[in-house]
Amino acid sequence: MVPDAPEPGSHDRSTPSGGLEESSLAIFEAMLAARDAEANGEGGRAALDGFYRTLMNGTLLLPVPPEHGDEAKSALAAAVNDDEEVEVSVLLAADADGRATSVCFASVAALSAWSPRGTASLPLPARIAIGNMAAAGVPAIMDPAGPIPYRFEPEELTALAGGVLPGTQEPLAPPTATRSIRLRLAGPHAIALEPALRDALRPTDVEAAWLVESESDGSRHLMLGLLGGEGASAVVDVPDGTDVVWLEEPLLASVRAVSDPFYRRGRG
């Protein structure tokens, strides 16, 4: 696969304005990387896998018959909220040999380059768009008029719809591990640490700090939780085995439910 070079004007990288535009740029850059890697004969598989993963985390535009637009949008809303699949009536095109093929687009610019403005289309999470194209059982072409056309074979779509990297048995997304953390009030030993920690935090941008005890997988640790804005930093001395974490939701809410902060900026 060596896609064609980008066509001037078919993709405007200078006007990002939301989720679709951010997805379009990410997919475009992943496609460039895959094309260049294959052309150079270096890292082609890794770059292609990167394109697949970027694509499946993005948004695609499917052209739809105008009379199906409202029904498709209602079905899409239910699918996104309930994490279920949805069937969308999509328009088919013909490839160079006259065979039926699905078409999809990574950007409004790519759609406009292929068809007149005003063509009915539906922005879909890629997992839903790919699932619908896989169900059609025919090839698909993304951005047939550029900037970088890409042809998906039916088996390629089937693999992606099944959450697998095409040509391998590897999952698109690595398995995620979850763990539960139990929080409780820290013991008296923690109180003795508070004065020195307050002194260390005063010259920093840390807004608040908590000392609690955390338990995970049967192991208990003292946890120093820090709250601060973007770019905040701090250097503190804590006993060995103490976890120091920047607090974000939902952990922040859990810590607040257990204990009051021992330090607040401006109150020290």
C-alpha atoms as a PDB file:
ATOM      1  CA  MET A   1       0.000   0.000   0.000  1.00  0.00           C
ATOM      2  CA  VAL A   2       1.528   3.283  -1.179  1.00  0.00           C
ATOM      3  CA  PRO A   3      -1.267   5.883  -1.105  1.00  0.00           C
ATOM      4  CA  ASP A   4      -1.303   8.781  -3.490  1.00  0.00           C
ATOM      5  CA  ALA A   5       0.265  12.084  -2.500  1.00  0.00           C
ATOM      6  CA  PRO A   6      -2.011  14.651  -0.845  1.00  0.00           C
ATOM      7  CA  GLU A   7      -3.952  16.867  -3.208  1.00  0.00           C
ATOM      8  CA  PRO A   8      -3.699  20.631  -2.622  1.00  0.00           C
ATOM      9  CA  GLY A   9      -6.752  22.066  -0.917  1.00  0.00           C
ATOM     10  CA  SER A  10      -8.277  18.724  -0.022  1.00  0.00           C
ATOM     11  CA  HIS A  11      -7.334  19.017   3.646  1.00  0.00           C
ATOM     12  CA  ASP A  12      -6.931  22.233   5.579  1.00  0.00           C
ATOM     13  CA  ARG A  13      -4.776  21.625   8.662  1.00  0.00           C
ATOM     14  CA  SER A  14      -4.930  25.260   9.775  1.00  0.00           C
ATOM     15  CA  THR A  15      -8.530  25.429  10.984  1.00  0.00           C
ATOM     16  CA  PRO A  16      -9.099  22.940  13.815  1.00  0.00           C
ATOM     17  CA  SER A  17     -12.424  23.764  15.483  1.00  0.00           C
ATOM     18  CA  GLY A  18     -13.616  20.690  17.360  1.00  0.00           C
ATOM     19  CA  GLY A  19     -13.668  16.929  17.770  1.00  0.00           C
ATOM     20  CA  LEU A  20     -14.049  16.048  14.072  1.00  0.00           C
ATOM     21  CA  GLU A  21     -11.250  18.386  13.028  1.00  0.00           C
ATOM     22  CA  GLU A  22      -8.921  17.025  15.723  1.00  0.00           C
ATOM     23  CA  SER A  23      -9.736  13.473  14.607  1.00  0.00           C
ATOM     24  CA  SER A  24      -9.157  14.437  10.955  1.00  0.00           C
ATOM     25  CA  LEU A  25      -5.721  15.844  11.702  1.00  0.00           C
ATOM     26  CA  ALA A  26      -4.716  12.807  13.794  1.00  0.00           C
ATOM     27  CA  ILE A  27      -5.810  10.370  11.063  1.00  0.00           C
ATOM     28  CA  PHE A  28      -4.096  12.447   8.362  1.00  0.00           C
ATOM     29  CA  GLU A  29      -0.791  12.484  10.249  1.00  0.00           C
ATOM     30  CA  ALA A  30      -1.035   8.738  10.992  1.00  0.00           C
ATOM     31  CA  MET A  31      -1.624   8.060   7.299  1.00  0.00           C
ATOM     32  CA  LEU A  32       1.376  10.201   6.348  1.00  0.00           C
ATOM     33  CA  ALA A  33       3.535   8.247   8.791  1.00  0.00           C
ATOM     34  CA  ALA A  34       2.293   4.914   7.422  1.00  0.00           C
ATOM     35  CA  ARG A  35       2.867   5.985   3.818  1.00  0.00           C
ATOM     36  CA  ASP A  36       6.361   7.292   4.511  1.00  0.00           C
ATOM     37  CA  ALA A  37       7.335   4.215   6.541  1.00  0.00           C
ATOM     38  CA  GLU A  38       6.241   1.873   3.761  1.00  0.00           C
ATOM     39  CA  ALA A  39       7.948   3.926   1.090  1.00  0.00           C
ATOM     40  CA  ASN A  40      11.190   3.899   3.073  1.00  0.00           C
ATOM     41  CA  GLY A  41      10.882   0.215   3.963  1.00  0.00           C
ATOM     42  CA  GLU A  42      11.363   0.971   7.651  1.00  0.00           C
ATOM     43  CA  GLY A  43       8.829   0.379  10.427  1.00  0.00           C
ATOM     44  CA  GLY A  44       5.956  -0.100   8.004  1.00  0.00           C
ATOM     45  CA  ARG A  45       4.057  -2.546  10.194  1.00  0.00           C
ATOM     46  CA  ALA A  46       4.367  -0.431  13.316  1.00  0.00           C
ATOM     47  CA  ALA A  47       3.277   2.699  11.471  1.00  0.00           C
ATOM     48  CA  LEU A  48       0.329   0.887   9.891  1.00  0.00           C
ATOM     49  CA  ASP A  49      -0.771  -0.417  13.279  1.00  0.00           C
ATOM     50  CA  GLY A  50      -0.492   3.142  14.562  1.00  0.00           C
ATOM     51  CA  PHE A  51      -2.795   4.267  11.767  1.00  0.00           C
ATOM     52  CA  TYR A  52      -5.337   1.555  12.606  1.00  0.00           C
ATOM     53  CA  ARG A  53      -5.361   2.529  16.285  1.00  0.00           C
ATOM     54  CA  THR A  54      -5.625   6.245  15.518  1.00  0.00           C
ATOM     55  CA  LEU A  55      -8.439   5.581  13.069  1.00  0.00           C
ATOM     56  CA  MET A  56     -10.481   3.488  15.500  1.00  0.00           C
ATOM     57  CA  ASN A  57     -10.193   6.200  18.155  1.00  0.00           C
ATOM     58  CA  GLY A  58     -11.391   8.847  15.728  1.00  0.00           C
ATOM     59  CA  THR A  59     -14.509   9.978  13.915  1.00  0.00           C
ATOM     60  CA  LEU A  60     -15.542   9.175  10.354  1.00  0.00           C
ATOM     61  CA  LEU A  61     -18.141  10.703   8.056  1.00  0.00           C
ATOM     62  CA  LEU A  62     -20.465   8.321   6.224  1.00  0.00           C
ATOM     63  CA  PRO A  63     -22.536   9.635   3.314  1.00  0.00           C
ATOM     64  CA  VAL A  64     -26.162   8.666   3.900  1.00  0.00           C
ATOM     65  CA  PRO A  65     -29.350   8.928   1.843  1.00  0.00           C
ATOM     66  CA  PRO A  66     -31.033  12.236   2.799  1.00  0.00           C
ATOM     67  CA  GLU A  67     -34.281  10.555   3.821  1.00  0.00           C
ATOM     68  CA  HIS A  68     -32.419   8.392   6.347  1.00  0.00           C
ATOM     69  CA  GLY A  69     -30.630  11.215   8.137  1.00  0.00           C
ATOM     70  CA  ASP A  70     -33.001  11.761  11.065  1.00  0.00           C
ATOM     71  CA  GLU A  71     -33.461   8.041  11.725  1.00  0.00           C
ATOM     72  CA  ALA A  72     -29.716   7.481  11.641  1.00  0.00           C
ATOM     73  CA  LYS A  73     -29.046  10.353  14.039  1.00  0.00           C
ATOM     74  CA  SER A  74     -31.596   8.999  16.534  1.00  0.00           C
ATOM     75  CA  ALA A  75     -30.126   5.512  16.327  1.00  0.00           C
ATOM     76  CA  LEU A  76     -26.625   6.931  16.706  1.00  0.00           C
ATOM     77  CA  ALA A  77     -27.564   8.820  19.887  1.00  0.00           C
ATOM     78  CA  ALA A  78     -28.838   5.597  21.437  1.00  0.00           C
ATOM     79  CA  ALA A  79     -25.743   3.668  20.360  1.00  0.00           C
ATOM     80  CA  VAL A  80     -23.296   6.204  21.762  1.00  0.00           C
ATOM     81  CA  ASN A  81     -25.134   6.470  25.085  1.00  0.00           C
ATOM     82  CA  ASP A  82     -25.710   2.739  25.529  1.00  0.00           C
ATOM     83  CA  ASP A  83     -22.463   1.514  23.923  1.00  0.00           C
ATOM     84  CA  GLU A  84     -24.467  -0.659  21.545  1.00  0.00           C
ATOM     85  CA  GLU A  85     -24.164  -1.107  17.808  1.00  0.00           C
ATOM     86  CA  VAL A  86     -26.356   0.688  15.275  1.00  0.00           C
ATOM     87  CA  GLU A  87     -27.135  -0.023  11.641  1.00  0.00           C
ATOM     88  CA  VAL A  88     -26.931   2.942   9.290  1.00  0.00           C
ATOM     89  CA  SER A  89     -27.995   2.984   5.643  1.00  0.00           C
ATOM     90  CA  VAL A  90     -24.884   4.085   3.779  1.00  0.00           C
ATOM     91  CA  LEU A  91     -24.337   5.075   0.187  1.00  0.00           C
ATOM     92  CA  LEU A  92     -22.213   2.799  -1.990  1.00  0.00           C
ATOM     93  CA  ALA A  93     -19.961   3.891  -4.832  1.00  0.00           C
ATOM     94  CA  ALA A  94     -18.157   2.045  -7.612  1.00  0.00           C
ATOM     95  CA  ASP A  95     -14.423   1.527  -7.733  1.00  0.00           C
ATOM     96  CA  ALA A  96     -12.251   1.792 -10.844  1.00  0.00           C
ATOM     97  CA  ASP A  97     -13.383  -1.687 -11.938  1.00  0.00           C
ATOM     98  CA  GLY A  98     -17.065  -0.922 -11.449  1.00  0.00           C
ATOM     99  CA  ARG A  99     -17.402  -3.018  -8.276  1.00  0.00           C
ATOM    100  CA  ALA A 100     -19.515  -1.815  -5.364  1.00  0.00           C
ATOM    101  CA  THR A 101     -17.553  -0.280  -2.534  1.00  0.00           C
ATOM    102  CA  SER A 102     -18.323   1.647   0.631  1.00  0.00           C
ATOM    103  CA  VAL A 103     -16.943   5.131   1.065  1.00  0.00           C
ATOM    104  CA  CYS A 104     -16.084   7.065   4.205  1.00  0.00           C
ATOM    105  CA  PHE A 105     -14.310  10.306   4.969  1.00  0.00           C
ATOM    106  CA  ALA A 106     -12.001  11.520   7.707  1.00  0.00           C
ATOM    107  CA  SER A 107     -12.811  15.213   7.211  1.00  0.00           C
ATOM    108  CA  VAL A 108     -15.403  17.559   5.772  1.00  0.00           C
ATOM    109  CA  ALA A 109     -12.770  18.760   3.303  1.00  0.00           C
ATOM    110  CA  ALA A 110     -12.255  15.227   2.006  1.00  0.00           C
ATOM    111  CA  LEU A 111     -16.024  14.768   1.631  1.00  0.00           C
ATOM    112  CA  SER A 112     -16.337  18.072  -0.254  1.00  0.00           C
ATOM    113  CA  ALA A 113     -13.495  17.092  -2.589  1.00  0.00           C
ATOM    114  CA  TRP A 114     -15.397  13.917  -3.533  1.00  0.00           C
ATOM    115  CA  SER A 115     -18.920  15.265  -3.873  1.00  0.00           C
ATOM    116  CA  PRO A 116     -20.793  18.567  -4.061  1.00  0.00           C
ATOM    117  CA  ARG A 117     -21.284  20.519  -0.851  1.00  0.00           C
ATOM    118  CA  GLY A 118     -24.459  19.633   0.992  1.00  0.00           C
ATOM    119  CA  THR A 119     -24.114  15.866   0.571  1.00  0.00           C
ATOM    120  CA  ALA A 120     -25.910  14.276   3.507  1.00  0.00           C
ATOM    121  CA  SER A 121     -23.418  12.729   5.891  1.00  0.00           C
ATOM    122  CA  LEU A 122     -23.298  11.451   9.431  1.00  0.00           C
ATOM    123  CA  PRO A 123     -20.287  11.798  11.766  1.00  0.00           C
ATOM    124  CA  LEU A 124     -19.839   8.508  13.582  1.00  0.00           C
ATOM    125  CA  PRO A 125     -17.376   7.056  16.059  1.00  0.00           C
ATOM    126  CA  ALA A 126     -15.085   4.968  13.887  1.00  0.00           C
ATOM    127  CA  ARG A 127     -16.039   1.752  15.728  1.00  0.00           C
ATOM    128  CA  ILE A 128     -19.629   2.207  14.508  1.00  0.00           C
ATOM    129  CA  ALA A 129     -18.704   3.346  11.002  1.00  0.00           C
ATOM    130  CA  ILE A 130     -16.254   0.476  10.505  1.00  0.00           C
ATOM    131  CA  GLY A 131     -18.786  -2.003  11.912  1.00  0.00           C
ATOM    132  CA  ASN A 132     -21.398  -0.888   9.388  1.00  0.00           C
ATOM    133  CA  MET A 133     -18.966  -1.080   6.477  1.00  0.00           C
ATOM    134  CA  ALA A 134     -17.763  -4.505   7.586  1.00  0.00           C
ATOM    135  CA  ALA A 135     -21.363  -5.741   7.623  1.00  0.00           C
ATOM    136  CA  ALA A 136     -21.756  -4.695   3.979  1.00  0.00           C
ATOM    137  CA  GLY A 137     -19.164  -7.308   2.981  1.00  0.00           C
ATOM    138  CA  VAL A 138     -17.549  -5.129   0.301  1.00  0.00           C
ATOM    139  CA  PRO A 139     -14.327  -3.103   0.241  1.00  0.00           C
ATOM    140  CA  ALA A 140     -14.298   0.483   1.464  1.00  0.00           C
ATOM    141  CA  ILE A 141     -12.318   3.533   0.432  1.00  0.00           C
ATOM    142  CA  MET A 142     -11.543   6.328   2.861  1.00  0.00           C
ATOM    143  CA  ASP A 143     -11.163   9.781   1.300  1.00  0.00           C
ATOM    144  CA  PRO A 144     -11.383   8.582  -2.349  1.00  0.00           C
ATOM    145  CA  ALA A 145     -10.556  12.121  -3.616  1.00  0.00           C
ATOM    146  CA  GLY A 146      -7.737  12.629  -1.109  1.00  0.00           C
ATOM    147  CA  PRO A 147      -5.823  13.856   0.721  1.00  0.00           C
ATOM    148  CA  ILE A 148      -4.615  10.246   1.050  1.00  0.00           C
ATOM    149  CA  PRO A 149      -7.002   7.620  -0.312  1.00  0.00           C
ATOM    150  CA  TYR A 150      -6.942   4.307   1.518  1.00  0.00           C
ATOM    151  CA  ARG A 151      -8.688   1.090   0.432  1.00  0.00           C
ATOM    152  CA  PHE A 152      -9.871  -1.325   3.092  1.00  0.00           C
ATOM    153  CA  GLU A 153     -10.379  -4.913   2.009  1.00  0.00           C
ATOM    154  CA  PRO A 154     -13.423  -6.744   3.479  1.00  0.00           C
ATOM    155  CA  GLU A 155     -11.270  -8.909   5.750  1.00  0.00           C
ATOM    156  CA  GLU A 156      -9.464  -5.780   6.959  1.00  0.00           C
ATOM    157  CA  LEU A 157     -12.782  -4.190   7.949  1.00  0.00           C
ATOM    158  CA  THR A 158     -13.897  -7.406   9.641  1.00  0.00           C
ATOM    159  CA  ALA A 159     -10.742  -7.511  11.747  1.00  0.00           C
ATOM    160  CA  LEU A 160     -11.059  -3.873  12.785  1.00  0.00           C
ATOM    161  CA  ALA A 161     -14.740  -4.314  13.625  1.00  0.00           C
ATOM    162  CA  GLY A 162     -13.748  -7.267  15.791  1.00  0.00           C
ATOM    163  CA  GLY A 163     -11.172  -5.207  17.686  1.00  0.00           C
ATOM    164  CA  VAL A 164      -8.144  -6.923  16.115  1.00  0.00           C
ATOM    165  CA  LEU A 165      -5.217  -5.501  14.152  1.00  0.00           C
ATOM    166  CA  PRO A 166      -5.638  -6.761  10.547  1.00  0.00           C
ATOM    167  CA  GLY A 167      -3.221  -9.510   9.620  1.00  0.00           C
ATOM    168  CA  THR A 168      -2.521 -10.360  13.256  1.00  0.00           C
ATOM    169  CA  GLN A 169      -4.285 -11.720  16.312  1.00  0.00           C
ATOM    170  CA  GLU A 170      -3.277  -8.720  18.410  1.00  0.00           C
ATOM    171  CA  PRO A 171      -6.013  -6.597  19.985  1.00  0.00           C
ATOM    172  CA  LEU A 172      -6.349  -3.031  18.793  1.00  0.00           C
ATOM    173  CA  ALA A 173      -6.227  -1.793  22.375  1.00  0.00           C
ATOM    174  CA  PRO A 174      -4.070  -3.419  25.058  1.00  0.00           C
ATOM    175  CA  PRO A 175      -6.028  -4.996  27.912  1.00  0.00           C
ATOM    176  CA  THR A 176      -6.602  -2.637  30.794  1.00  0.00           C
ATOM    177  CA  ALA A 177      -6.098  -3.588  34.410  1.00  0.00           C
ATOM    178  CA  THR A 178      -8.246  -2.110  37.137  1.00  0.00           C
ATOM    179  CA  ARG A 179      -7.789  -2.148  40.864  1.00  0.00           C
ATOM    180  CA  SER A 180      -9.723  -0.970  43.870  1.00  0.00           C
ATOM    181  CA  ILE A 181      -8.216   1.355  46.458  1.00  0.00           C
ATOM    182  CA  ARG A 182      -9.579   1.657  49.963  1.00  0.00           C
ATOM    183  CA  LEU A 183      -8.927   4.971  51.707  1.00  0.00           C
ATOM    184  CA  ARG A 184      -9.003   5.660  55.431  1.00  0.00           C
ATOM    185  CA  LEU A 185      -7.761   8.223  57.914  1.00  0.00           C
ATOM    186  CA  ALA A 186      -4.024   8.062  58.473  1.00  0.00           C
ATOM    187  CA  GLY A 187      -2.672   7.196  61.908  1.00  0.00           C
ATOM    188  CA  PRO A 188      -0.876   9.470  64.407  1.00  0.00           C
ATOM    189  CA  HIS A 189       2.439   8.962  62.607  1.00  0.00           C
ATOM    190  CA  ALA A 190       1.085  11.043  59.723  1.00  0.00           C
ATOM    191  CA  ILE A 191       0.312  14.022  61.951  1.00  0.00           C
ATOM    192  CA  ALA A 192       4.001  14.301  62.832  1.00  0.00           C
ATOM    193  CA  LEU A 193       4.827  14.789  59.124  1.00  0.00           C
ATOM    194  CA  GLU A 194       2.414  17.660  58.553  1.00  0.00           C
ATOM    195  CA  PRO A 195       4.492  20.654  59.828  1.00  0.00           C
ATOM    196  CA  ALA A 196       7.488  19.877  57.607  1.00  0.00           C
ATOM    197  CA  LEU A 197       5.235  19.213  54.634  1.00  0.00           C
ATOM    198  CA  ARG A 198       3.436  22.523  55.128  1.00  0.00           C
ATOM    199  CA  ASP A 199       6.778  24.330  55.113  1.00  0.00           C
ATOM    200  CA  ALA A 200       7.792  22.556  51.898  1.00  0.00           C
ATOM    201  CA  LEU A 201       4.502  23.306  50.145  1.00  0.00           C
ATOM    202  CA  ARG A 202       4.186  27.022  50.995  1.00  0.00           C
ATOM    203  CA  PRO A 203       6.523  28.273  48.214  1.00  0.00           C
ATOM    204  CA  THR A 204       4.850  26.016  45.601  1.00  0.00           C
ATOM    205  CA  ASP A 205       1.694  26.263  43.490  1.00  0.00           C
ATOM    206  CA  VAL A 206       0.058  23.369  45.340  1.00  0.00           C
ATOM    207  CA  GLU A 207      -3.455  24.441  46.325  1.00  0.00           C
ATOM    208  CA  ALA A 208      -4.201  21.778  48.934  1.00  0.00           C
ATOM    209  CA  ALA A 209      -2.721  18.572  50.346  1.00  0.00           C
ATOM    210  CA  TRP A 210      -4.070  15.519  52.179  1.00  0.00           C
ATOM    211  CA  LEU A 211      -2.476  12.655  54.098  1.00  0.00           C
ATOM    212  CA  VAL A 212      -4.524   9.460  54.057  1.00  0.00           C
ATOM    213  CA  GLU A 213      -3.875   5.758  54.224  1.00  0.00           C
ATOM    214  CA  SER A 214      -4.531   3.725  51.079  1.00  0.00           C
ATOM    215  CA  GLU A 215      -4.954  -0.031  50.808  1.00  0.00           C
ATOM    216  CA  SER A 216      -4.720  -1.943  47.539  1.00  0.00           C
ATOM    217  CA  ASP A 217      -4.218  -5.675  46.989  1.00  0.00           C
ATOM    218  CA  GLY A 218      -3.770  -6.154  50.721  1.00  0.00           C
ATOM    219  CA  SER A 219      -0.910  -3.648  50.946  1.00  0.00           C
ATOM    220  CA  ARG A 220      -1.216  -0.424  52.969  1.00  0.00           C
ATOM    221  CA  HIS A 221       0.630   2.802  52.193  1.00  0.00           C
ATOM    222  CA  LEU A 222       0.610   6.362  53.405  1.00  0.00           C
ATOM    223  CA  MET A 223      -0.556   8.582  50.544  1.00  0.00           C
ATOM    224  CA  LEU A 224       0.208  12.264  50.142  1.00  0.00           C
ATOM    225  CA  GLY A 225      -2.385  13.702  47.773  1.00  0.00           C
ATOM    226  CA  LEU A 226      -1.649  17.043  46.130  1.00  0.00           C
ATOM    227  CA  LEU A 227      -4.060  19.352  44.318  1.00  0.00           C
ATOM    228  CA  GLY A 228      -2.730  21.929  41.889  1.00  0.00           C
ATOM    229  CA  GLY A 229      -3.265  23.558  38.537  1.00  0.00           C
ATOM    230  CA  GLU A 230      -1.525  22.739  35.274  1.00  0.00           C
ATOM    231  CA  GLY A 231       2.222  23.108  35.630  1.00  0.00           C
ATOM    232  CA  ALA A 232       2.222  22.932  39.432  1.00  0.00           C
ATOM    233  CA  SER A 233       5.198  21.136  40.959  1.00  0.00           C
ATOM    234  CA  ALA A 234       6.598  20.440  44.399  1.00  0.00           C
ATOM    235  CA  VAL A 235       9.565  18.744  46.040  1.00  0.00           C
ATOM    236  CA  VAL A 236       8.793  17.055  49.358  1.00  0.00           C
ATOM    237  CA  ASP A 237      10.540  14.589  51.641  1.00  0.00           C
ATOM    238  CA  VAL A 238       8.353  11.656  52.679  1.00  0.00           C
ATOM    239  CA  PRO A 239       9.079   8.304  54.364  1.00  0.00           C
ATOM    240  CA  ASP A 240       9.921   5.328  52.162  1.00  0.00           C
ATOM    241  CA  GLY A 241       6.817   3.586  50.888  1.00  0.00           C
ATOM    242  CA  THR A 242       4.723   6.765  50.775  1.00  0.00           C
ATOM    243  CA  ASP A 243       2.741   7.319  47.583  1.00  0.00           C
ATOM    244  CA  VAL A 244       2.761  10.920  46.329  1.00  0.00           C
ATOM    245  CA  VAL A 245       0.013  11.572  43.776  1.00  0.00           C
ATOM    246  CA  TRP A 246      -1.585  14.542  42.025  1.00  0.00           C
ATOM    247  CA  LEU A 247      -5.274  14.231  42.734  1.00  0.00           C
ATOM    248  CA  GLU A 248      -7.862  14.184  39.963  1.00  0.00           C
ATOM    249  CA  GLU A 249     -11.434  12.943  39.883  1.00  0.00           C
ATOM    250  CA  PRO A 250     -12.677  10.453  40.957  1.00  0.00           C
ATOM    251  CA  LEU A 251      -9.807   9.924  43.425  1.00  0.00           C
ATOM    252  CA  LEU A 252     -10.024  13.546  44.582  1.00  0.00           C
ATOM    253  CA  ALA A 253     -13.656  13.134  45.638  1.00  0.00           C
ATOM    254  CA  SER A 254     -12.824   9.933  47.501  1.00  0.00           C
ATOM    255  CA  VAL A 255      -9.974  11.596  49.404  1.00  0.00           C
ATOM    256  CA  ARG A 256     -12.185  14.563  50.305  1.00  0.00           C
ATOM    257  CA  ALA A 257     -14.822  12.181  51.640  1.00  0.00           C
ATOM    258  CA  VAL A 258     -12.293  10.619  54.010  1.00  0.00           C
ATOM    259  CA  SER A 259     -10.272  13.557  55.310  1.00  0.00           C
ATOM    260  CA  ASP A 260      -9.888  17.335  55.379  1.00  0.00           C
ATOM    261  CA  PRO A 261      -6.726  18.810  53.844  1.00  0.00           C
ATOM    262  CA  PHE A 262      -3.934  19.474  56.292  1.00  0.00           C
ATOM    263  CA  TYR A 263      -2.646  22.221  53.991  1.00  0.00           C
ATOM    264  CA  ARG A 264      -4.431  24.904  51.982  1.00  0.00           C
ATOM    265  CA  ARG A 265      -2.594  27.528  50.017  1.00  0.00           C
ATOM    266  CA  GLY A 266      -2.810  30.879  51.763  1.00  0.00           C
ATOM    267  CA  ARG A 267      -3.779  29.291  55.064  1.00  0.00           C
ATOM    268  CA  GLY A 268      -0.657  27.183  55.560  1.00  0.00           C
END
